[in-house]
């Protein structure tokens, strides 16, 4: 009986966090597209280097399903173009 309670709690916790997870995944994807668009504008070399690094990290984290870390990389890219 105790195992079923833990399982039910785990399912409930996952269900509650799924919308946030999906939002982060979508933001990660759009952030990667933004970085690619900024790179296509061929900015100055220091900015370009930061964008390339952020893109590499964001894509890696997206593949690993670490969307919060992807969003950190997207934030780095946004700061680089300001």
PDB file of N, CA and C in Angstrom:
ATOM      1  N   UNK A   1       0.813  -1.185   0.000  1.00  0.00           N
ATOM      2  CA  UNK A   1       0.000   0.000   0.000  1.00  0.00           C
ATOM      3  C   UNK A   1       0.864   1.258   0.000  1.00  0.00           C
ATOM      4  N   UNK A   2       1.946   1.251   0.778  1.00  0.00           N
ATOM      5  CA  UNK A   2       2.819   2.416   0.862  1.00  0.00           C
ATOM      6  C   UNK A   2       3.454   2.713  -0.496  1.00  0.00           C
ATOM      7  N   UNK A   3       3.841   1.667  -1.239  1.00  0.00           N
ATOM      8  CA  UNK A   3       4.439   1.853  -2.552  1.00  0.00           C
ATOM      9  C   UNK A   3       3.491   2.516  -3.523  1.00  0.00           C
ATOM     10  N   UNK A   4       2.224   2.183  -3.429  1.00  0.00           N
ATOM     11  CA  UNK A   4       1.236   2.802  -4.312  1.00  0.00           C
ATOM     12  C   UNK A   4       1.090   4.286  -4.001  1.00  0.00           C
ATOM     13  N   UNK A   5       1.197   4.645  -2.745  1.00  0.00           N
ATOM     14  CA  UNK A   5       1.080   6.049  -2.364  1.00  0.00           C
ATOM     15  C   UNK A   5       2.255   6.846  -2.921  1.00  0.00           C
ATOM     16  N   UNK A   6       3.445   6.303  -2.806  1.00  0.00           N
ATOM     17  CA  UNK A   6       4.617   6.989  -3.363  1.00  0.00           C
ATOM     18  C   UNK A   6       4.494   7.125  -4.871  1.00  0.00           C
ATOM     19  N   UNK A   7       4.034   6.069  -5.516  1.00  0.00           N
ATOM     20  CA  UNK A   7       3.858   6.107  -6.969  1.00  0.00           C
ATOM     21  C   UNK A   7       2.839   7.147  -7.382  1.00  0.00           C
ATOM     22  N   UNK A   8       1.744   7.216  -6.645  1.00  0.00           N
ATOM     23  CA  UNK A   8       0.707   8.204  -6.942  1.00  0.00           C
ATOM     24  C   UNK A   8       1.240   9.615  -6.750  1.00  0.00           C
ATOM     25  N   UNK A   9       2.032   9.807  -5.701  1.00  0.00           N
ATOM     26  CA  UNK A   9       2.621  11.127  -5.462  1.00  0.00           C
ATOM     27  C   UNK A   9       3.600  11.507  -6.569  1.00  0.00           C
ATOM     28  N   UNK A  10       4.371  10.553  -7.027  1.00  0.00           N
ATOM     29  CA  UNK A  10       5.315  10.815  -8.108  1.00  0.00           C
ATOM     30  C   UNK A  10       4.585  11.195  -9.386  1.00  0.00           C
ATOM     31  N   UNK A  11       3.537  10.461  -9.706  1.00  0.00           N
ATOM     32  CA  UNK A  11       2.749  10.767 -10.905  1.00  0.00           C
ATOM     33  C   UNK A  11       2.124  12.153 -10.788  1.00  0.00           C
ATOM     34  N   UNK A  12       1.598  12.476  -9.626  1.00  0.00           N
ATOM     35  CA  UNK A  12       0.994  13.797  -9.426  1.00  0.00           C
ATOM     36  C   UNK A  12       2.037  14.897  -9.574  1.00  0.00           C
ATOM     37  N   UNK A  13       3.213  14.687  -9.016  1.00  0.00           N
ATOM     38  CA  UNK A  13       4.275  15.685  -9.113  1.00  0.00           C
ATOM     39  C   UNK A  13       4.703  15.887 -10.554  1.00  0.00           C
ATOM     40  N   UNK A  14       4.818  14.802 -11.286  1.00  0.00           N
ATOM     41  CA  UNK A  14       5.200  14.910 -12.695  1.00  0.00           C
ATOM     42  C   UNK A  14       4.117  15.608 -13.504  1.00  0.00           C
ATOM     43  N   UNK A  15       2.884  15.317 -13.218  1.00  0.00           N
ATOM     44  CA  UNK A  15       1.780  15.946 -13.935  1.00  0.00           C
ATOM     45  C   UNK A  15       1.755  17.448 -13.687  1.00  0.00           C
ATOM     46  N   UNK A  16       2.077  17.847 -12.479  1.00  0.00           N
ATOM     47  CA  UNK A  16       2.083  19.274 -12.156  1.00  0.00           C
ATOM     48  C   UNK A  16       3.248  20.010 -12.807  1.00  0.00           C
ATOM     49  N   UNK A  17       4.370  19.348 -13.008  1.00  0.00           N
ATOM     50  CA  UNK A  17       5.538  20.010 -13.586  1.00  0.00           C
ATOM     51  C   UNK A  17       5.574  19.910 -15.107  1.00  0.00           C
ATOM     52  N   UNK A  18       4.749  19.073 -15.716  1.00  0.00           N
ATOM     53  CA  UNK A  18       4.795  18.895 -17.166  1.00  0.00           C
ATOM     54  C   UNK A  18       4.574  20.192 -17.936  1.00  0.00           C
ATOM     55  N   UNK A  19       3.572  21.020 -17.586  1.00  0.00           N
ATOM     56  CA  UNK A  19       3.402  22.267 -18.359  1.00  0.00           C
ATOM     57  C   UNK A  19       4.641  23.154 -18.332  1.00  0.00           C
ATOM     58  N   UNK A  20       5.292  23.274 -17.200  1.00  0.00           N
ATOM     59  CA  UNK A  20       6.510  24.080 -17.116  1.00  0.00           C
ATOM     60  C   UNK A  20       7.611  23.469 -17.956  1.00  0.00           C
ATOM     61  N   UNK A  21       7.722  22.146 -17.930  1.00  0.00           N
ATOM     62  CA  UNK A  21       8.716  21.436 -18.722  1.00  0.00           C
ATOM     63  C   UNK A  21       8.475  21.687 -20.205  1.00  0.00           C
ATOM     64  N   UNK A  22       7.223  21.611 -20.631  1.00  0.00           N
ATOM     65  CA  UNK A  22       6.883  21.843 -22.040  1.00  0.00           C
ATOM     66  C   UNK A  22       7.173  23.283 -22.436  1.00  0.00           C
ATOM     67  N   UNK A  23       6.883  24.234 -21.541  1.00  0.00           N
ATOM     68  CA  UNK A  23       7.169  25.641 -21.822  1.00  0.00           C
ATOM     69  C   UNK A  23       8.666  25.867 -21.975  1.00  0.00           C
ATOM     70  N   UNK A  24       9.455  25.275 -21.077  1.00  0.00           N
ATOM     71  CA  UNK A  24      10.908  25.415 -21.156  1.00  0.00           C
ATOM     72  C   UNK A  24      11.440  24.817 -22.444  1.00  0.00           C
ATOM     73  N   UNK A  25      10.894  23.679 -22.858  1.00  0.00           N
ATOM     74  CA  UNK A  25      11.329  23.035 -24.098  1.00  0.00           C
ATOM     75  C   UNK A  25      11.040  23.943 -25.293  1.00  0.00           C
ATOM     76  N   UNK A  26       9.857  24.544 -25.313  1.00  0.00           N
ATOM     77  CA  UNK A  26       9.492  25.444 -26.410  1.00  0.00           C
ATOM     78  C   UNK A  26      10.359  26.698 -26.404  1.00  0.00           C
ATOM     79  N   UNK A  27      10.614  27.249 -25.220  1.00  0.00           N
ATOM     80  CA  UNK A  27      11.474  28.437 -25.115  1.00  0.00           C
ATOM     81  C   UNK A  27      12.899  28.119 -25.554  1.00  0.00           C
ATOM     82  N   UNK A  28      13.356  26.937 -25.210  1.00  0.00           N
ATOM     83  CA  UNK A  28      14.695  26.506 -25.621  1.00  0.00           C
ATOM     84  C   UNK A  28      14.779  26.471 -27.147  1.00  0.00           C
ATOM     85  N   UNK A  29      13.792  25.849 -27.774  1.00  0.00           N
ATOM     86  CA  UNK A  29      13.772  25.739 -29.237  1.00  0.00           C
ATOM     87  C   UNK A  29      13.737  27.115 -29.895  1.00  0.00           C
ATOM     88  N   UNK A  30      12.884  28.002 -29.386  1.00  0.00           N
ATOM     89  CA  UNK A  30      12.820  29.338 -29.986  1.00  0.00           C
ATOM     90  C   UNK A  30      14.082  30.137 -29.688  1.00  0.00           C
ATOM     91  N   UNK A  31      14.693  29.894 -28.532  1.00  0.00           N
ATOM     92  CA  UNK A  31      15.950  30.559 -28.202  1.00  0.00           C
ATOM     93  C   UNK A  31      17.075  30.146 -29.137  1.00  0.00           C
ATOM     94  N   UNK A  32      17.121  28.868 -29.471  1.00  0.00           N
ATOM     95  CA  UNK A  32      18.129  28.379 -30.411  1.00  0.00           C
ATOM     96  C   UNK A  32      17.926  29.038 -31.776  1.00  0.00           C
ATOM     97  N   UNK A  33      16.682  29.160 -32.197  1.00  0.00           N
ATOM     98  CA  UNK A  33      16.390  29.830 -33.476  1.00  0.00           C
ATOM     99  C   UNK A  33      16.833  31.290 -33.435  1.00  0.00           C
ATOM    100  N   UNK A  34      16.634  31.952 -32.295  1.00  0.00           N
ATOM    101  CA  UNK A  34      17.056  33.346 -32.144  1.00  0.00           C
ATOM    102  C   UNK A  34      18.574  33.463 -32.260  1.00  0.00           C
ATOM    103  N   UNK A  35      19.287  32.557 -31.604  1.00  0.00           N
ATOM    104  CA  UNK A  35      20.755  32.587 -31.668  1.00  0.00           C
ATOM    105  C   UNK A  35      21.216  32.388 -33.110  1.00  0.00           C
ATOM    106  N   UNK A  36      20.611  31.427 -33.799  1.00  0.00           N
ATOM    107  CA  UNK A  36      20.982  31.174 -35.194  1.00  0.00           C
ATOM    108  C   UNK A  36      20.723  32.405 -36.060  1.00  0.00           C
ATOM    109  N   UNK A  37      19.617  33.093 -35.810  1.00  0.00           N
ATOM    110  CA  UNK A  37      19.303  34.307 -36.578  1.00  0.00           C
ATOM    111  C   UNK A  37      20.325  35.410 -36.302  1.00  0.00           C
ATOM    112  N   UNK A  38      20.755  35.535 -35.060  1.00  0.00           N
ATOM    113  CA  UNK A  38      21.759  36.543 -34.714  1.00  0.00           C
ATOM    114  C   UNK A  38      23.105  36.216 -35.360  1.00  0.00           C
ATOM    115  N   UNK A  39      23.452  34.935 -35.391  1.00  0.00           N
ATOM    116  CA  UNK A  39      24.699  34.518 -36.039  1.00  0.00           C
ATOM    117  C   UNK A  39      24.642  34.833 -37.536  1.00  0.00           C
ATOM    118  N   UNK A  40      23.476  34.645 -38.142  1.00  0.00           N
ATOM    119  CA  UNK A  40      23.311  34.909 -39.577  1.00  0.00           C
ATOM    120  C   UNK A  40      23.525  36.385 -39.917  1.00  0.00           C
ATOM    121  N   UNK A  41      23.379  37.262 -38.933  1.00  0.00           N
ATOM    122  CA  UNK A  41      23.597  38.698 -39.148  1.00  0.00           C
ATOM    123  C   UNK A  41      25.083  39.053 -39.179  1.00  0.00           C
ATOM    124  N   UNK A  42      25.936  38.060 -38.989  1.00  0.00           N
ATOM    125  CA  UNK A  42      27.397  38.218 -38.936  1.00  0.00           C
ATOM    126  C   UNK A  42      27.842  39.408 -38.076  1.00  0.00           C
ATOM    127  N   UNK A  43      27.627  39.298 -36.774  1.00  0.00           N
ATOM    128  CA  UNK A  43      28.064  40.373 -35.862  1.00  0.00           C
ATOM    129  C   UNK A  43      29.580  40.408 -35.746  1.00  0.00           C
ATOM    130  N   UNK A  44      30.086  41.382 -35.024  1.00  0.00           N
ATOM    131  CA  UNK A  44      31.526  41.506 -34.784  1.00  0.00           C
ATOM    132  C   UNK A  44      32.045  40.229 -34.113  1.00  0.00           C
ATOM    133  N   UNK A  45      33.313  39.936 -34.343  1.00  0.00           N
ATOM    134  CA  UNK A  45      33.909  38.674 -33.890  1.00  0.00           C
ATOM    135  C   UNK A  45      33.713  38.371 -32.406  1.00  0.00           C
ATOM    136  N   UNK A  46      33.899  39.332 -31.500  1.00  0.00           N
ATOM    137  CA  UNK A  46      33.702  38.991 -30.077  1.00  0.00           C
ATOM    138  C   UNK A  46      32.265  38.519 -29.780  1.00  0.00           C
ATOM    139  N   UNK A  47      31.293  39.176 -30.391  1.00  0.00           N
ATOM    140  CA  UNK A  47      29.888  38.792 -30.200  1.00  0.00           C
ATOM    141  C   UNK A  47      29.620  37.458 -30.885  1.00  0.00           C
ATOM    142  N   UNK A  48      30.156  37.288 -32.081  1.00  0.00           N
ATOM    143  CA  UNK A  48      29.970  36.046 -32.826  1.00  0.00           C
ATOM    144  C   UNK A  48      30.513  34.854 -32.044  1.00  0.00           C
ATOM    145  N   UNK A  49      31.652  35.015 -31.434  1.00  0.00           N
ATOM    146  CA  UNK A  49      32.240  33.924 -30.643  1.00  0.00           C
ATOM    147  C   UNK A  49      31.329  33.554 -29.475  1.00  0.00           C
ATOM    148  N   UNK A  50      30.769  34.556 -28.802  1.00  0.00           N
ATOM    149  CA  UNK A  50      29.863  34.297 -27.677  1.00  0.00           C
ATOM    150  C   UNK A  50      28.589  33.614 -28.160  1.00  0.00           C
ATOM    151  N   UNK A  51      28.088  34.041 -29.310  1.00  0.00           N
ATOM    152  CA  UNK A  51      26.875  33.431 -29.855  1.00  0.00           C
ATOM    153  C   UNK A  51      27.114  31.980 -30.247  1.00  0.00           C
ATOM    154  N   UNK A  52      28.237  31.715 -30.875  1.00  0.00           N
ATOM    155  CA  UNK A  52      28.547  30.332 -31.261  1.00  0.00           C
ATOM    156  C   UNK A  52      28.659  29.421 -30.047  1.00  0.00           C
ATOM    157  N   UNK A  53      29.309  29.931 -29.003  1.00  0.00           N
ATOM    158  CA  UNK A  53      29.442  29.139 -27.778  1.00  0.00           C
ATOM    159  C   UNK A  53      28.069  28.895 -27.158  1.00  0.00           C
ATOM    160  N   UNK A  54      27.245  29.934 -27.086  1.00  0.00           N
ATOM    161  CA  UNK A  54      25.904  29.791 -26.521  1.00  0.00           C
ATOM    162  C   UNK A  54      25.065  28.807 -27.331  1.00  0.00           C
ATOM    163  N   UNK A  55      25.192  28.861 -28.651  1.00  0.00           N
ATOM    164  CA  UNK A  55      24.448  27.941 -29.511  1.00  0.00           C
ATOM    165  C   UNK A  55      24.882  26.503 -29.264  1.00  0.00           C
ATOM    166  N   UNK A  56      26.171  26.284 -29.173  1.00  0.00           N
ATOM    167  CA  UNK A  56      26.692  24.935 -28.922  1.00  0.00           C
ATOM    168  C   UNK A  56      26.149  24.378 -27.603  1.00  0.00           C
ATOM    169  N   UNK A  57      26.196  25.207 -26.566  1.00  0.00           N
ATOM    170  CA  UNK A  57      25.711  24.772 -25.248  1.00  0.00           C
ATOM    171  C   UNK A  57      24.203  24.532 -25.290  1.00  0.00           C
ATOM    172  N   UNK A  58      23.462  25.461 -25.876  1.00  0.00           N
ATOM    173  CA  UNK A  58      22.003  25.339 -25.931  1.00  0.00           C
ATOM    174  C   UNK A  58      21.573  24.080 -26.669  1.00  0.00           C
ATOM    175  N   UNK A  59      22.205  23.808 -27.807  1.00  0.00           N
ATOM    176  CA  UNK A  59      21.852  22.608 -28.576  1.00  0.00           C
ATOM    177  C   UNK A  59      22.192  21.335 -27.804  1.00  0.00           C
ATOM    178  N   UNK A  60      23.330  21.333 -27.124  1.00  0.00           N
ATOM    179  CA  UNK A  60      23.711  20.159 -26.332  1.00  0.00           C
ATOM    180  C   UNK A  60      22.701  19.924 -25.207  1.00  0.00           C
ATOM    181  N   UNK A  61      22.347  20.977 -24.509  1.00  0.00           N
ATOM    182  CA  UNK A  61      21.420  20.846 -23.389  1.00  0.00           C
ATOM    183  C   UNK A  61      20.024  20.453 -23.874  1.00  0.00           C
ATOM    184  N   UNK A  62      19.639  20.942 -25.042  1.00  0.00           N
ATOM    185  CA  UNK A  62      18.347  20.551 -25.609  1.00  0.00           C
ATOM    186  C   UNK A  62      18.323  19.043 -25.873  1.00  0.00           C
ATOM    187  N   UNK A  63      19.387  18.531 -26.451  1.00  0.00           N
ATOM    188  CA  UNK A  63      19.472  17.093 -26.727  1.00  0.00           C
ATOM    189  C   UNK A  63      19.438  16.269 -25.444  1.00  0.00           C
ATOM    190  N   UNK A  64      20.009  16.819 -24.375  1.00  0.00           N
ATOM    191  CA  UNK A  64      20.039  16.120 -23.088  1.00  0.00           C
ATOM    192  C   UNK A  64      18.746  16.309 -22.301  1.00  0.00           C
ATOM    193  N   UNK A  65      17.855  17.170 -22.787  1.00  0.00           N
ATOM    194  CA  UNK A  65      16.609  17.432 -22.088  1.00  0.00           C
ATOM    195  C   UNK A  65      16.774  18.337 -20.880  1.00  0.00           C
ATOM    196  N   UNK A  66      17.886  19.035 -20.823  1.00  0.00           N
ATOM    197  CA  UNK A  66      18.164  19.972 -19.726  1.00  0.00           C
ATOM    198  C   UNK A  66      17.766  21.377 -20.176  1.00  0.00           C
ATOM    199  N   UNK A  67      16.462  21.613 -20.235  1.00  0.00           N
ATOM    200  CA  UNK A  67      15.967  22.850 -20.823  1.00  0.00           C
ATOM    201  C   UNK A  67      16.284  24.085 -19.989  1.00  0.00           C
ATOM    202  N   UNK A  68      16.391  23.930 -18.678  1.00  0.00           N
ATOM    203  CA  UNK A  68      16.755  25.089 -17.861  1.00  0.00           C
ATOM    204  C   UNK A  68      18.176  25.547 -18.186  1.00  0.00           C
ATOM    205  N   UNK A  69      19.062  24.601 -18.429  1.00  0.00           N
ATOM    206  CA  UNK A  69      20.435  24.955 -18.803  1.00  0.00           C
ATOM    207  C   UNK A  69      20.488  25.506 -20.226  1.00  0.00           C
ATOM    208  N   UNK A  70      19.618  25.015 -21.083  1.00  0.00           N
ATOM    209  CA  UNK A  70      19.501  25.576 -22.436  1.00  0.00           C
ATOM    210  C   UNK A  70      19.100  27.041 -22.338  1.00  0.00           C
ATOM    211  N   UNK A  71      18.133  27.320 -21.482  1.00  0.00           N
ATOM    212  CA  UNK A  71      17.667  28.699 -21.330  1.00  0.00           C
ATOM    213  C   UNK A  71      18.740  29.601 -20.733  1.00  0.00           C
ATOM    214  N   UNK A  72      19.610  29.043 -19.910  1.00  0.00           N
ATOM    215  CA  UNK A  72      20.749  29.818 -19.409  1.00  0.00           C
ATOM    216  C   UNK A  72      21.649  30.236 -20.571  1.00  0.00           C
ATOM    217  N   UNK A  73      21.898  29.317 -21.490  1.00  0.00           N
ATOM    218  CA  UNK A  73      22.733  29.619 -22.659  1.00  0.00           C
ATOM    219  C   UNK A  73      22.051  30.649 -23.556  1.00  0.00           C
ATOM    220  N   UNK A  74      20.743  30.533 -23.717  1.00  0.00           N
ATOM    221  CA  UNK A  74      19.997  31.515 -24.507  1.00  0.00           C
ATOM    222  C   UNK A  74      20.115  32.896 -23.856  1.00  0.00           C
ATOM    223  N   UNK A  75      20.043  32.940 -22.541  1.00  0.00           N
ATOM    224  CA  UNK A  75      20.221  34.208 -21.823  1.00  0.00           C
ATOM    225  C   UNK A  75      21.598  34.805 -22.062  1.00  0.00           C
ATOM    226  N   UNK A  76      22.622  33.937 -22.081  1.00  0.00           N
ATOM    227  CA  UNK A  76      23.971  34.414 -22.377  1.00  0.00           C
ATOM    228  C   UNK A  76      24.034  35.045 -23.761  1.00  0.00           C
ATOM    229  N   UNK A  77      23.357  34.413 -24.720  1.00  0.00           N
ATOM    230  CA  UNK A  77      23.351  34.933 -26.087  1.00  0.00           C
ATOM    231  C   UNK A  77      22.634  36.288 -26.147  1.00  0.00           C
ATOM    232  N   UNK A  78      21.531  36.392 -25.444  1.00  0.00           N
ATOM    233  CA  UNK A  78      20.804  37.649 -25.431  1.00  0.00           C
ATOM    234  C   UNK A  78      21.644  38.775 -24.846  1.00  0.00           C
ATOM    235  N   UNK A  79      22.382  38.469 -23.796  1.00  0.00           N
ATOM    236  CA  UNK A  79      23.258  39.494 -23.191  1.00  0.00           C
ATOM    237  C   UNK A  79      24.383  39.868 -24.145  1.00  0.00           C
ATOM    238  N   UNK A  80      24.840  38.930 -24.950  1.00  0.00           N
ATOM    239  CA  UNK A  80      25.947  39.188 -25.884  1.00  0.00           C
ATOM    240  C   UNK A  80      25.543  40.162 -26.993  1.00  0.00           C
ATOM    241  N   UNK A  81      24.274  40.141 -27.388  1.00  0.00           N
ATOM    242  CA  UNK A  81      23.844  41.005 -28.499  1.00  0.00           C
ATOM    243  C   UNK A  81      23.325  42.361 -28.040  1.00  0.00           C
ATOM    244  N   UNK A  82      23.203  42.551 -26.748  1.00  0.00           N
ATOM    245  CA  UNK A  82      22.728  43.856 -26.251  1.00  0.00           C
ATOM    246  C   UNK A  82      23.790  44.905 -26.354  1.00  0.00           C
TER     247      UNK A  82
END
